[in-house]
N, C-alpha and C. Protein backbone atom coordinates (compact mmCIF):
# COMPACT_ATOMS: atom_id res chain seq x y z
N UNK A 1 12.49 95.40 -79.18
CA UNK A 1 12.13 95.10 -78.15
C UNK A 1 10.99 96.64 -77.93
N UNK A 2 10.02 95.73 -78.36
CA UNK A 2 8.53 96.29 -78.28
C UNK A 2 8.41 97.04 -77.04
N UNK A 3 7.94 99.01 -77.32
CA UNK A 3 7.30 99.64 -76.05
C UNK A 3 9.27 99.83 -75.65
N UNK A 4 9.99 99.58 -75.95
CA UNK A 4 11.10 100.47 -75.35
C UNK A 4 11.68 101.11 -75.77
N UNK A 5 11.96 102.69 -75.21
CA UNK A 5 11.94 103.81 -75.33
C UNK A 5 13.29 103.69 -75.79
N UNK A 6 13.99 104.58 -76.65
CA UNK A 6 15.42 104.77 -77.03
C UNK A 6 16.08 105.76 -76.39
N UNK A 7 17.49 105.93 -75.88
CA UNK A 7 17.66 106.57 -75.09
C UNK A 7 17.81 108.12 -76.17
N UNK A 8 18.15 109.19 -75.72
CA UNK A 8 17.79 110.17 -76.76
C UNK A 8 19.00 110.68 -76.96
N UNK A 9 20.18 110.81 -76.80
CA UNK A 9 21.16 110.67 -76.52
C UNK A 9 21.71 109.72 -77.55
N UNK A 10 21.58 108.90 -78.12
CA UNK A 10 21.67 107.95 -79.35
C UNK A 10 20.97 108.68 -80.45
N UNK A 11 20.71 109.42 -80.89
CA UNK A 11 20.17 109.41 -82.16
C UNK A 11 20.97 110.92 -83.27
N UNK A 12 20.81 110.68 -84.02
CA UNK A 12 21.96 111.15 -84.72
C UNK A 12 21.25 111.69 -86.29
N UNK A 13 21.21 112.12 -86.69
CA UNK A 13 20.93 112.29 -88.42
C UNK A 13 21.94 111.91 -89.50
N UNK A 14 21.32 111.66 -90.31
CA UNK A 14 22.74 110.86 -90.97
C UNK A 14 24.17 111.52 -91.66
N UNK A 15 23.92 113.01 -91.57
CA UNK A 15 24.65 113.72 -91.89
C UNK A 15 25.63 114.69 -90.46
N UNK A 16 25.21 113.83 -89.44
CA UNK A 16 25.81 113.95 -88.39
C UNK A 16 26.63 112.22 -87.91
N UNK A 17 25.87 111.40 -88.98
CA UNK A 17 26.53 110.56 -88.24
C UNK A 17 28.07 110.29 -89.40
N UNK A 18 27.63 110.85 -90.60
CA UNK A 18 28.66 110.63 -91.83
C UNK A 18 30.01 111.84 -91.16
N UNK A 19 29.65 112.90 -90.64
CA UNK A 19 31.08 113.54 -90.10
C UNK A 19 31.44 113.14 -89.10
N UNK A 20 30.58 111.80 -88.35
CA UNK A 20 31.83 111.28 -87.12
C UNK A 20 32.47 110.40 -87.58
N UNK A 21 31.53 109.51 -89.30
CA UNK A 21 32.31 108.56 -90.13
C UNK A 21 33.97 109.46 -90.42
N UNK A 22 33.71 110.34 -90.97
CA UNK A 22 34.65 110.94 -91.54
C UNK A 22 36.08 111.39 -90.77
N UNK A 23 35.38 111.32 -89.68
CA UNK A 23 35.93 111.97 -88.34
C UNK A 23 37.10 110.51 -87.84
N UNK A 24 36.51 109.91 -88.05
CA UNK A 24 36.69 108.18 -87.53
C UNK A 24 37.74 107.52 -88.34
N UNK A 25 37.29 107.97 -89.26
CA UNK A 25 38.07 107.50 -90.40
C UNK A 25 39.73 107.83 -90.91
N UNK A 26 39.81 109.50 -90.43
CA UNK A 26 41.04 110.39 -90.58
C UNK A 26 41.09 109.92 -89.52
N UNK A 27 41.03 110.24 -88.13
CA UNK A 27 41.93 109.92 -86.75
C UNK A 27 42.32 108.23 -87.07
N UNK A 28 41.71 107.26 -88.07
CA UNK A 28 42.78 105.40 -87.69
C UNK A 28 43.75 105.76 -88.93
N UNK A 29 43.13 106.50 -89.94
CA UNK A 29 43.96 106.48 -90.82
C UNK A 29 44.81 106.76 -91.55
N UNK A 30 44.39 108.07 -90.84
CA UNK A 30 45.87 109.42 -91.25
C UNK A 30 46.99 109.67 -90.25
N UNK A 31 45.87 110.59 -88.95
CA UNK A 31 46.71 110.76 -88.19
C UNK A 31 47.34 110.14 -87.51
N UNK A 32 46.37 109.16 -86.69
CA UNK A 32 47.40 107.71 -85.43
C UNK A 32 48.29 107.23 -86.21
N UNK A 33 48.17 106.73 -87.94
CA UNK A 33 49.55 106.59 -88.00
C UNK A 33 51.06 107.63 -88.01
N UNK A 34 50.47 108.64 -88.19
CA UNK A 34 51.29 109.77 -88.39
C UNK A 34 52.27 109.95 -86.92
N UNK A 35 51.38 109.32 -85.91
CA UNK A 35 51.22 109.70 -84.89
C UNK A 35 52.75 109.23 -84.11
N UNK A 36 52.37 107.71 -84.81
CA UNK A 36 52.92 106.40 -83.92
C UNK A 36 54.37 106.43 -84.84
N UNK A 37 54.47 106.88 -86.15
CA UNK A 37 55.44 106.90 -86.80
C UNK A 37 57.04 108.50 -86.09
N UNK A 38 55.78 109.53 -85.20
CA UNK A 38 56.64 109.95 -84.95
C UNK A 38 56.97 109.57 -83.21
N UNK A 39 56.38 108.76 -82.97
CA UNK A 39 56.62 108.28 -81.36
C UNK A 39 58.02 107.40 -81.67
N UNK A 40 58.28 106.52 -82.60
CA UNK A 40 58.77 105.50 -82.69
C UNK A 40 60.47 105.86 -83.57
N UNK A 41 60.43 107.24 -84.08
CA UNK A 41 61.54 108.01 -84.27
C UNK A 41 61.78 108.40 -83.01
N UNK A 42 61.11 109.57 -82.13
CA UNK A 42 61.42 109.98 -80.78
C UNK A 42 61.90 108.87 -80.43
N UNK A 43 61.45 107.88 -80.56
CA UNK A 43 61.40 106.60 -79.10
C UNK A 43 63.31 106.27 -79.32
N UNK A 44 63.69 106.76 -80.66
CA UNK A 44 64.62 106.22 -81.12
C UNK A 44 66.09 106.48 -81.27
N UNK A 45 65.55 108.40 -80.55
CA UNK A 45 66.50 109.02 -80.30
C UNK A 45 67.12 108.81 -79.35
N UNK A 46 66.42 107.98 -78.30
CA UNK A 46 67.57 107.86 -76.88
C UNK A 46 66.88 108.31 -75.21
N UNK A 47 67.14 109.08 -74.56
CA UNK A 47 66.54 109.04 -73.07
C UNK A 47 64.91 109.39 -73.38
N UNK A 48 63.83 108.68 -73.22
CA UNK A 48 63.12 109.49 -73.26
C UNK A 48 62.35 110.71 -72.23
N UNK A 49 63.32 110.47 -71.59
CA UNK A 49 62.36 111.75 -70.10
C UNK A 49 62.25 112.69 -70.31
N UNK A 50 63.32 113.25 -71.44
CA UNK A 50 63.69 114.16 -71.79
C UNK A 50 63.63 114.46 -73.21
N UNK A 51 62.23 113.87 -74.04
CA UNK A 51 62.43 114.02 -75.63
C UNK A 51 60.93 114.66 -75.47
N UNK A 52 60.83 115.46 -75.83
CA UNK A 52 59.59 116.64 -75.80
C UNK A 52 58.85 115.68 -76.70
N UNK A 53 59.44 115.16 -77.88
CA UNK A 53 58.80 114.63 -79.13
C UNK A 53 58.09 113.45 -78.71
N UNK A 54 58.89 112.95 -78.48
CA UNK A 54 58.45 111.37 -77.74
C UNK A 54 57.08 111.89 -76.73
N UNK A 55 57.06 112.70 -75.39
CA UNK A 55 56.36 112.44 -74.28
C UNK A 55 54.79 113.10 -74.95
N UNK A 56 55.26 114.10 -75.92
CA UNK A 56 53.60 114.57 -76.85
C UNK A 56 53.04 114.30 -77.70
N UNK A 57 53.65 113.04 -78.11
CA UNK A 57 53.53 112.00 -79.47
C UNK A 57 53.08 111.19 -78.72
N UNK A 58 53.37 110.59 -77.11
CA UNK A 58 52.59 109.64 -76.14
C UNK A 58 51.10 109.95 -76.11
N UNK A 59 51.48 111.90 -75.53
CA UNK A 59 49.78 112.38 -75.07
C UNK A 59 49.26 112.20 -75.75
N UNK A 60 49.32 113.01 -77.46
CA UNK A 60 48.32 112.64 -78.88
C UNK A 60 47.85 111.42 -78.75
N UNK A 61 48.75 110.25 -79.08
CA UNK A 61 48.16 109.00 -79.35
C UNK A 61 47.13 108.97 -77.96
N UNK A 62 47.19 108.68 -76.81
CA UNK A 62 46.51 108.74 -76.08
C UNK A 62 44.62 109.52 -76.04
N UNK A 63 45.63 110.65 -76.21
CA UNK A 63 44.04 111.02 -76.74
C UNK A 63 43.07 110.80 -78.61
N UNK A 64 43.93 110.57 -79.02
CA UNK A 64 42.97 110.61 -80.49
C UNK A 64 42.76 108.74 -80.08
N UNK A 65 43.04 107.83 -79.07
CA UNK A 65 42.59 106.59 -78.67
C UNK A 65 41.22 106.95 -78.25
N UNK A 66 41.54 107.82 -77.47
CA UNK A 66 40.35 108.11 -76.77
C UNK A 66 38.84 108.70 -77.67
N UNK A 67 39.54 109.46 -78.18
CA UNK A 67 38.07 109.78 -79.29
C UNK A 67 37.46 108.98 -80.19
N UNK A 68 38.93 107.72 -80.62
CA UNK A 68 38.01 106.95 -81.83
C UNK A 68 36.94 105.63 -80.74
N UNK A 69 37.77 105.47 -79.48
CA UNK A 69 37.09 104.63 -78.88
C UNK A 69 35.68 104.83 -78.32
N UNK A 70 35.65 106.69 -78.53
CA UNK A 70 34.37 107.52 -78.15
C UNK A 70 33.22 107.14 -79.07
N UNK A 71 33.93 108.34 -80.64
CA UNK A 71 33.12 108.21 -81.80
C UNK A 71 32.90 106.16 -82.54
N UNK A 72 33.45 105.27 -82.09
CA UNK A 72 33.38 103.62 -82.78
C UNK A 72 32.43 103.47 -81.40
N UNK A 73 32.32 103.85 -79.89
CA UNK A 73 31.47 103.38 -79.49
C UNK A 73 29.68 104.21 -79.47
N UNK A 74 29.78 105.18 -79.75
CA UNK A 74 28.66 106.19 -80.69
C UNK A 74 27.86 105.89 -81.91
N UNK A 75 28.59 105.73 -82.97
CA UNK A 75 28.82 105.24 -83.81
C UNK A 75 27.54 103.62 -83.57
N UNK A 76 28.50 102.61 -82.85
CA UNK A 76 27.89 101.27 -82.88
C UNK A 76 26.57 102.03 -81.91
N UNK A 77 26.38 102.47 -81.27
CA UNK A 77 24.90 102.70 -80.34
C UNK A 77 24.19 103.79 -80.84
N UNK A 78 23.83 104.23 -82.21
CA UNK A 78 23.45 105.40 -82.73
C UNK A 78 22.02 104.59 -83.21
N UNK A 79 21.01 106.01 -83.01
CA UNK A 79 20.03 105.41 -84.02
C UNK A 79 19.58 106.82 -84.59
N UNK A 80 20.08 106.09 -86.03
CA UNK A 80 20.31 107.32 -87.12
C UNK A 80 18.80 107.38 -87.32
N UNK A 81 18.29 108.96 -87.21
CA UNK A 81 16.87 109.19 -87.57
C UNK A 81 17.32 110.81 -88.70
N UNK A 82 16.05 109.96 -89.68
CA UNK A 82 16.57 110.84 -91.08
C UNK A 82 15.75 111.84 -90.82
N UNK A 83 15.71 113.43 -90.68
CA UNK A 83 14.34 114.40 -90.67
C UNK A 83 13.52 115.05 -91.53
N UNK A 84 14.54 114.42 -93.13
CA UNK A 84 13.85 114.65 -94.13
C UNK A 84 12.34 113.44 -94.79
N UNK A 85 12.59 112.63 -93.56
CA UNK A 85 11.90 111.36 -93.53
C UNK A 85 10.45 111.37 -92.74
N UNK A 86 10.00 112.75 -91.55
CA UNK A 86 9.20 112.80 -90.59
C UNK A 86 8.84 112.95 -91.67
N UNK A 87 7.09 112.71 -91.61
CA UNK A 87 5.80 112.37 -92.07
C UNK A 87 4.69 114.09 -91.25
N UNK A 88 5.01 114.01 -90.05
CA UNK A 88 4.36 115.23 -89.70
C UNK A 88 5.07 116.34 -88.74
N UNK A 89 4.91 117.25 -89.92
CA UNK A 89 5.93 118.62 -89.92
C UNK A 89 5.12 119.68 -89.91
N UNK A 90 4.20 119.36 -88.80
CA UNK A 90 3.73 120.34 -88.70
C UNK A 90 3.63 120.84 -86.83
N UNK A 91 4.83 119.66 -86.76
CA UNK A 91 5.17 119.57 -85.02
C UNK A 91 7.02 119.81 -84.82
N UNK A 92 7.63 120.24 -84.36
CA UNK A 92 8.80 120.36 -83.79
C UNK A 92 9.29 118.71 -83.16
N UNK A 93 9.89 118.35 -83.94
CA UNK A 93 10.90 116.68 -83.55
C UNK A 93 12.16 117.03 -84.05
N UNK A 94 12.73 115.98 -83.71
CA UNK A 94 14.05 115.88 -83.66
C UNK A 94 14.13 116.23 -85.23
N UNK A 95 15.51 117.07 -85.53
CA UNK A 95 15.67 117.65 -87.07
C UNK A 95 15.20 118.59 -87.60
N UNK A 96 14.43 119.23 -86.48
CA UNK A 96 13.09 120.68 -87.26
C UNK A 96 13.91 121.86 -86.84
N UNK A 97 13.95 122.57 -87.98
CA UNK A 97 14.45 123.91 -87.70
C UNK A 97 13.31 124.72 -87.74
N UNK A 98 13.38 125.79 -86.25
CA UNK A 98 12.41 126.11 -86.07
C UNK A 98 12.66 127.56 -85.68
N UNK A 99 11.70 128.61 -86.29
CA UNK A 99 11.99 130.13 -86.02
C UNK A 99 11.03 130.24 -84.64
N UNK A 100 11.51 131.02 -83.78
CA UNK A 100 10.43 131.32 -82.69
C UNK A 100 10.76 132.63 -81.82
N UNK A 101 10.03 133.50 -81.73
CA UNK A 101 10.00 135.31 -81.39
C UNK A 101 10.10 135.05 -79.88
N UNK A 102 10.51 136.12 -78.88
CA UNK A 102 10.82 135.82 -77.26
C UNK A 102 10.08 137.40 -77.20
N UNK A 103 9.66 137.47 -75.70
CA UNK A 103 8.30 138.47 -76.05
C UNK A 103 9.49 139.96 -76.50
N UNK A 104 10.53 140.24 -76.50
CA UNK A 104 11.14 141.83 -76.83
C UNK A 104 10.97 141.76 -78.49
N UNK A 105 10.24 140.64 -79.46
CA UNK A 105 10.30 140.54 -80.62
C UNK A 105 11.41 140.01 -80.95
N UNK A 106 12.54 139.42 -80.60
CA UNK A 106 14.03 138.89 -81.14
C UNK A 106 13.50 137.69 -81.69
N UNK A 107 14.06 137.61 -83.19
CA UNK A 107 13.90 136.19 -83.02
C UNK A 107 14.79 134.86 -83.73
N UNK A 108 14.69 133.75 -82.77
CA UNK A 108 15.22 133.08 -83.22
C UNK A 108 15.41 131.90 -84.04
N UNK A 109 16.61 131.13 -84.64
CA UNK A 109 16.19 130.02 -85.57
C UNK A 109 17.35 129.04 -84.89
N UNK A 110 17.03 127.88 -84.92
CA UNK A 110 17.91 126.72 -84.07
C UNK A 110 17.16 125.20 -85.33
N UNK A 111 17.80 124.49 -84.94
CA UNK A 111 17.94 123.50 -85.73
C UNK A 111 18.71 122.10 -84.57
N UNK A 112 17.44 121.15 -84.55
CA UNK A 112 17.39 120.19 -82.96
C UNK A 112 17.74 119.43 -83.51
N UNK A 113 18.94 118.80 -83.37
CA UNK A 113 19.93 118.00 -84.07
C UNK A 113 20.24 116.83 -82.56
N UNK A 114 21.17 115.68 -83.11
CA UNK A 114 22.11 115.21 -82.06
C UNK A 114 22.99 115.62 -80.74
N UNK A 115 22.82 115.29 -79.78
CA UNK A 115 24.08 115.52 -78.18
C UNK A 115 24.82 115.92 -79.12
N UNK A 116 25.35 114.78 -79.79
CA UNK A 116 27.23 114.54 -80.62
C UNK A 116 27.20 115.50 -81.72
N UNK A 117 26.16 116.17 -82.26
CA UNK A 117 26.31 116.51 -83.65
C UNK A 117 26.55 118.11 -83.40
N UNK A 118 25.52 118.67 -82.53
CA UNK A 118 25.24 120.32 -82.52
C UNK A 118 26.30 121.12 -82.58
N UNK A 119 26.21 121.75 -83.34
CA UNK A 119 27.32 122.96 -83.49
C UNK A 119 25.88 123.77 -83.11
N UNK A 120 26.13 124.87 -82.27
CA UNK A 120 26.03 126.13 -81.74
C UNK A 120 26.06 127.24 -82.76
N UNK A 121 27.42 127.21 -82.90
CA UNK A 121 27.76 128.12 -83.99
C UNK A 121 27.11 128.48 -85.60
N UNK A 122 26.68 126.93 -85.87
CA UNK A 122 26.14 126.70 -86.71
C UNK A 122 24.42 126.67 -86.63
N UNK A 123 23.82 127.19 -85.51
CA UNK A 123 22.43 127.45 -85.60
C UNK A 123 22.10 125.54 -85.27
N UNK A 124 22.50 125.45 -84.37
CA UNK A 124 21.80 123.80 -84.13
C UNK A 124 22.52 123.51 -82.61
N UNK A 125 20.93 123.11 -81.82
CA UNK A 125 21.01 122.89 -81.15
C UNK A 125 21.55 121.69 -80.47
N UNK A 126 21.36 120.95 -79.42
CA UNK A 126 21.11 119.57 -78.56
C UNK A 126 19.67 119.45 -78.94
N UNK A 127 19.61 117.88 -78.70
CA UNK A 127 18.28 117.78 -78.97
C UNK A 127 17.62 117.65 -77.31
N UNK A 128 18.32 117.53 -76.76
CA UNK A 128 18.39 118.04 -74.68
C UNK A 128 18.93 119.08 -74.14
N UNK A 129 18.82 120.47 -75.21
CA UNK A 129 19.09 121.13 -74.77
C UNK A 129 17.67 122.17 -73.83
N UNK A 130 17.62 123.26 -73.08
CA UNK A 130 16.31 123.18 -72.47
C UNK A 130 15.07 123.73 -73.87
N UNK A 131 16.20 124.65 -74.70
CA UNK A 131 15.04 125.66 -76.22
C UNK A 131 14.33 124.43 -76.53
N UNK A 132 15.18 122.84 -77.00
CA UNK A 132 14.78 122.37 -77.59
C UNK A 132 14.16 121.46 -77.14
N UNK A 133 13.65 121.57 -75.67
CA UNK A 133 12.76 120.42 -74.44
C UNK A 133 11.44 121.23 -74.58
N UNK A 134 11.66 122.85 -74.70
CA UNK A 134 10.27 123.06 -74.49
C UNK A 134 9.77 123.46 -76.10
N UNK A 135 10.69 123.30 -76.88
CA UNK A 135 9.97 123.20 -78.22
C UNK A 135 9.11 121.65 -78.85
N UNK A 136 9.59 120.95 -78.18
CA UNK A 136 9.61 119.55 -78.69
C UNK A 136 7.48 119.53 -78.96
N UNK A 137 7.56 119.19 -79.74
CA UNK A 137 6.63 118.80 -79.73
C UNK A 137 5.46 119.98 -80.27
N UNK A 138 5.90 121.66 -80.04
CA UNK A 138 5.20 122.66 -80.34
C UNK A 138 4.65 122.69 -81.87
N UNK A 139 3.34 123.33 -82.14
CA UNK A 139 2.99 124.27 -83.47
C UNK A 139 3.19 125.25 -84.09
N UNK A 140 3.04 125.58 -84.75
CA UNK A 140 3.43 127.08 -85.84
C UNK A 140 2.14 127.59 -84.74
N UNK A 141 2.43 128.85 -83.96
CA UNK A 141 2.06 129.80 -82.94
C UNK A 141 1.93 129.20 -81.39
N UNK A 142 2.34 127.82 -81.47
CA UNK A 142 2.25 127.54 -80.03
C UNK A 142 2.73 128.55 -78.93
N UNK A 143 2.67 128.61 -78.13
CA UNK A 143 3.42 129.76 -76.53
C UNK A 143 4.17 128.63 -76.23
N UNK A 144 5.50 128.30 -75.54
CA UNK A 144 6.00 127.76 -74.70
C UNK A 144 7.30 128.41 -73.82
N UNK A 145 7.10 128.30 -72.83
CA UNK A 145 7.85 128.37 -71.83
C UNK A 145 8.85 127.95 -72.02
N UNK A 146 10.13 128.57 -72.00
CA UNK A 146 11.70 128.37 -71.98
C UNK A 146 12.07 128.48 -71.43
N UNK A 147 13.34 127.21 -70.11
CA UNK A 147 13.81 127.97 -68.88
C UNK A 147 15.25 128.16 -69.24
N UNK A 148 14.96 129.17 -68.77
CA UNK A 148 17.19 129.99 -69.47
C UNK A 148 17.63 130.31 -67.94
N UNK A 149 18.98 130.47 -68.11
CA UNK A 149 19.46 131.09 -66.78
C UNK A 149 19.02 132.28 -65.36
N UNK A 150 18.14 132.96 -66.45
CA UNK A 150 17.49 134.00 -66.24
C UNK A 150 16.63 134.25 -66.03
N UNK A 151 15.65 132.81 -65.80
CA UNK A 151 14.25 132.41 -65.30
C UNK A 151 13.31 132.42 -66.78
N UNK A 152 12.23 131.85 -66.66
CA UNK A 152 11.20 131.25 -68.06
C UNK A 152 10.63 132.65 -68.78
N UNK A 153 11.23 132.27 -69.70
CA UNK A 153 10.68 133.24 -70.87
C UNK A 153 9.93 132.44 -71.73
N UNK A 154 8.97 133.00 -71.98
CA UNK A 154 7.86 132.46 -73.08
C UNK A 154 8.32 133.17 -74.57
N UNK A 155 8.24 131.70 -75.26
CA UNK A 155 9.09 132.01 -77.01
C UNK A 155 7.45 132.03 -77.46
N UNK A 156 7.35 131.99 -79.14
CA UNK A 156 5.71 131.59 -79.57
C UNK A 156 6.85 131.33 -81.24
N UNK A 157 6.58 129.69 -81.25
CA UNK A 157 6.43 129.30 -82.60
C UNK A 157 6.47 130.31 -83.86
N UNK A 158 6.85 130.75 -84.61
CA UNK A 158 6.53 131.37 -85.69
C UNK A 158 6.84 129.85 -87.19
N UNK A 159 7.55 129.27 -87.11
CA UNK A 159 7.44 128.40 -88.16
C UNK A 159 7.89 127.13 -87.89
N UNK A 160 8.11 126.20 -88.80
CA UNK A 160 8.71 124.43 -88.59
C UNK A 160 8.97 124.35 -89.69
N UNK A 161 10.12 123.60 -90.20
CA UNK A 161 10.79 123.23 -91.45
C UNK A 161 11.47 122.26 -90.81
N UNK A 162 11.78 121.25 -91.53
CA UNK A 162 12.09 119.59 -92.66
C UNK A 162 12.84 119.82 -93.51
N UNK A 163 13.90 119.66 -93.69
CA UNK A 163 14.86 118.97 -95.15
C UNK A 163 13.65 118.50 -95.79
N UNK A 164 13.65 118.73 -97.19
CA UNK A 164 12.79 117.88 -98.06
C UNK A 164 13.67 116.21 -98.34
N UNK A 165 12.61 115.69 -98.39
CA UNK A 165 13.62 114.17 -98.44
C UNK A 165 13.71 114.17 -100.29
N UNK A 166 15.11 113.36 -100.10
CA UNK A 166 15.89 113.15 -101.54
C UNK A 166 15.11 112.69 -102.82
């Protein structure tokens, strides 16, 4: 529909979507069948009320099924956005890797990705994180205010990079 805004939580990079598909495949084709087998074996042992293998297995099955539903729904609704295809590389958009400095001249580098794929330990932040929202549409040398738990912080964008097209 023309003019309809797409919810930001649906954005995924091709790599993030591939990781989610791989996890879904692992759960459905390997882990779930193994747990079903364990539960079946444990159920055949008799009294289920005191059978730890059975109780743990059933709980694990519920967790796996919940994760499968979540991944399936997210992938069905995902809007795959390839950062390498970004034509305006002078501004910060989804998929950008941004280096910025705060007022104490501490440098930070973050890559802005989807809500379900961002991994802080890899320097990836969610598109909806306060830092990402502050940096969005900024250009190199722009100063933006980032809202942090300790108050507003002025930062300067030092560089913006995107993956190279394949």
